[in-house]
Amino acid sequence: MARTPSWIFHSVATFHYRKAIIDASPVPVGTVPVYEAISRVRRPEDLTFELMREVIEEQAEQGVDYMTIHAACCASMCAGAQRIYGDC
């Protein structure tokens, strides 16, 4: 018998829990999409832009009010910003 990848179960359960919270909440509900996206891959380096966008779109369609997007920058980006803005 074929096994269902655990992320599919986790994703389905997460979808239903999040929907219940959104429906019951009198205040805006926010998420951190990267956590769900990471749960769908075996290794962090397997995370792709396409998967991240898919998770963001799914959560937006579900009615999430806001999302926290964790972004990173590389050293060359920081050096460029320092040239433009000076020391921070």
Protein backbone atom coordinates (compact mmCIF):
# COMPACT_ATOMS: atom_id res chain seq x y z
CA MET A 1 0.00 0.00 0.00
CA ALA A 2 1.35 3.43 -0.93
CA ARG A 3 1.92 5.87 1.87
CA THR A 4 0.72 9.42 1.70
CA PRO A 5 3.51 11.94 2.25
CA SER A 6 3.17 13.38 5.73
CA TRP A 7 3.15 16.94 4.40
CA ILE A 8 -0.10 16.27 2.54
CA PHE A 9 -1.82 15.27 5.79
CA HIS A 10 -0.19 18.16 7.63
CA SER A 11 -1.21 20.60 4.91
CA VAL A 12 -4.82 19.39 4.87
CA ALA A 13 -5.06 19.55 8.66
CA THR A 14 -3.42 22.98 8.69
CA PHE A 15 -5.87 24.22 6.06
CA HIS A 16 -8.88 23.13 8.13
CA TYR A 17 -7.50 24.50 11.41
CA ARG A 18 -6.58 27.81 9.80
CA LYS A 19 -10.02 28.08 8.17
CA ALA A 20 -11.74 27.45 11.51
CA ILE A 21 -9.60 30.10 13.19
CA ILE A 22 -10.25 32.64 10.41
CA ASP A 23 -14.01 31.98 10.53
CA ALA A 24 -14.19 32.32 14.31
CA SER A 25 -11.79 35.21 14.83
CA PRO A 26 -13.12 38.69 15.53
CA VAL A 27 -9.64 40.11 14.83
CA PRO A 28 -7.36 39.88 11.79
CA VAL A 29 -5.50 36.58 11.41
CA GLY A 30 -1.93 36.44 10.16
CA THR A 31 0.38 33.64 9.12
CA VAL A 32 4.04 32.94 8.41
CA PRO A 33 3.83 31.06 5.09
CA VAL A 34 7.43 29.83 5.13
CA TYR A 35 6.59 27.48 8.01
CA GLU A 36 3.98 25.67 5.93
CA ALA A 37 6.19 25.71 2.85
CA ILE A 38 9.08 24.15 4.79
CA SER A 39 6.75 21.43 6.05
CA ARG A 40 6.15 20.40 2.43
CA VAL A 41 9.78 19.64 1.57
CA ARG A 42 12.26 17.09 2.85
CA ARG A 43 15.16 19.53 3.20
CA PRO A 44 15.18 23.33 3.51
CA GLU A 45 17.30 23.61 0.37
CA ASP A 46 14.43 21.96 -1.55
CA LEU A 47 12.23 25.00 -0.96
CA THR A 48 11.54 26.78 -4.25
CA PHE A 49 10.09 30.14 -5.16
CA GLU A 50 7.21 28.35 -6.90
CA LEU A 51 6.28 26.41 -3.74
CA MET A 52 6.56 29.53 -1.58
CA ARG A 53 4.31 31.44 -3.99
CA GLU A 54 1.83 28.54 -4.03
CA VAL A 55 1.57 28.56 -0.22
CA ILE A 56 1.18 32.36 -0.13
CA GLU A 57 -1.58 32.22 -2.77
CA GLU A 58 -3.39 29.37 -0.96
CA GLN A 59 -3.34 31.23 2.33
CA ALA A 60 -4.48 34.48 0.70
CA GLU A 61 -7.37 32.68 -1.03
CA GLN A 62 -8.31 31.16 2.31
CA GLY A 63 -8.80 34.62 3.77
CA VAL A 64 -5.67 35.29 5.81
CA ASP A 65 -5.58 39.00 6.63
CA TYR A 66 -1.81 39.47 6.69
CA MET A 67 1.39 37.46 6.33
CA THR A 68 4.85 37.81 7.77
CA ILE A 69 7.36 37.15 5.02
CA HIS A 70 10.82 36.29 6.29
CA ALA A 71 13.31 37.67 3.83
CA ALA A 72 17.06 37.48 3.83
CA CYS A 73 19.75 39.36 2.03
CA CYS A 74 23.25 38.43 1.07
CA ALA A 75 26.44 40.31 1.92
CA SER A 76 26.61 41.99 -1.49
CA MET A 77 23.13 43.45 -0.99
CA CYS A 78 24.14 44.80 2.41
CA ALA A 79 27.29 46.33 0.92
CA GLY A 80 25.20 48.02 -1.77
CA ALA A 81 22.79 49.41 0.82
CA GLN A 82 25.70 50.68 2.89
CA ARG A 83 27.08 52.53 -0.15
CA ILE A 84 23.70 54.18 -0.67
CA TYR A 85 22.60 54.82 2.89
CA GLY A 86 25.86 54.86 4.83
CA ASP A 87 26.33 53.16 8.18
CA CYS A 88 23.14 52.08 9.90
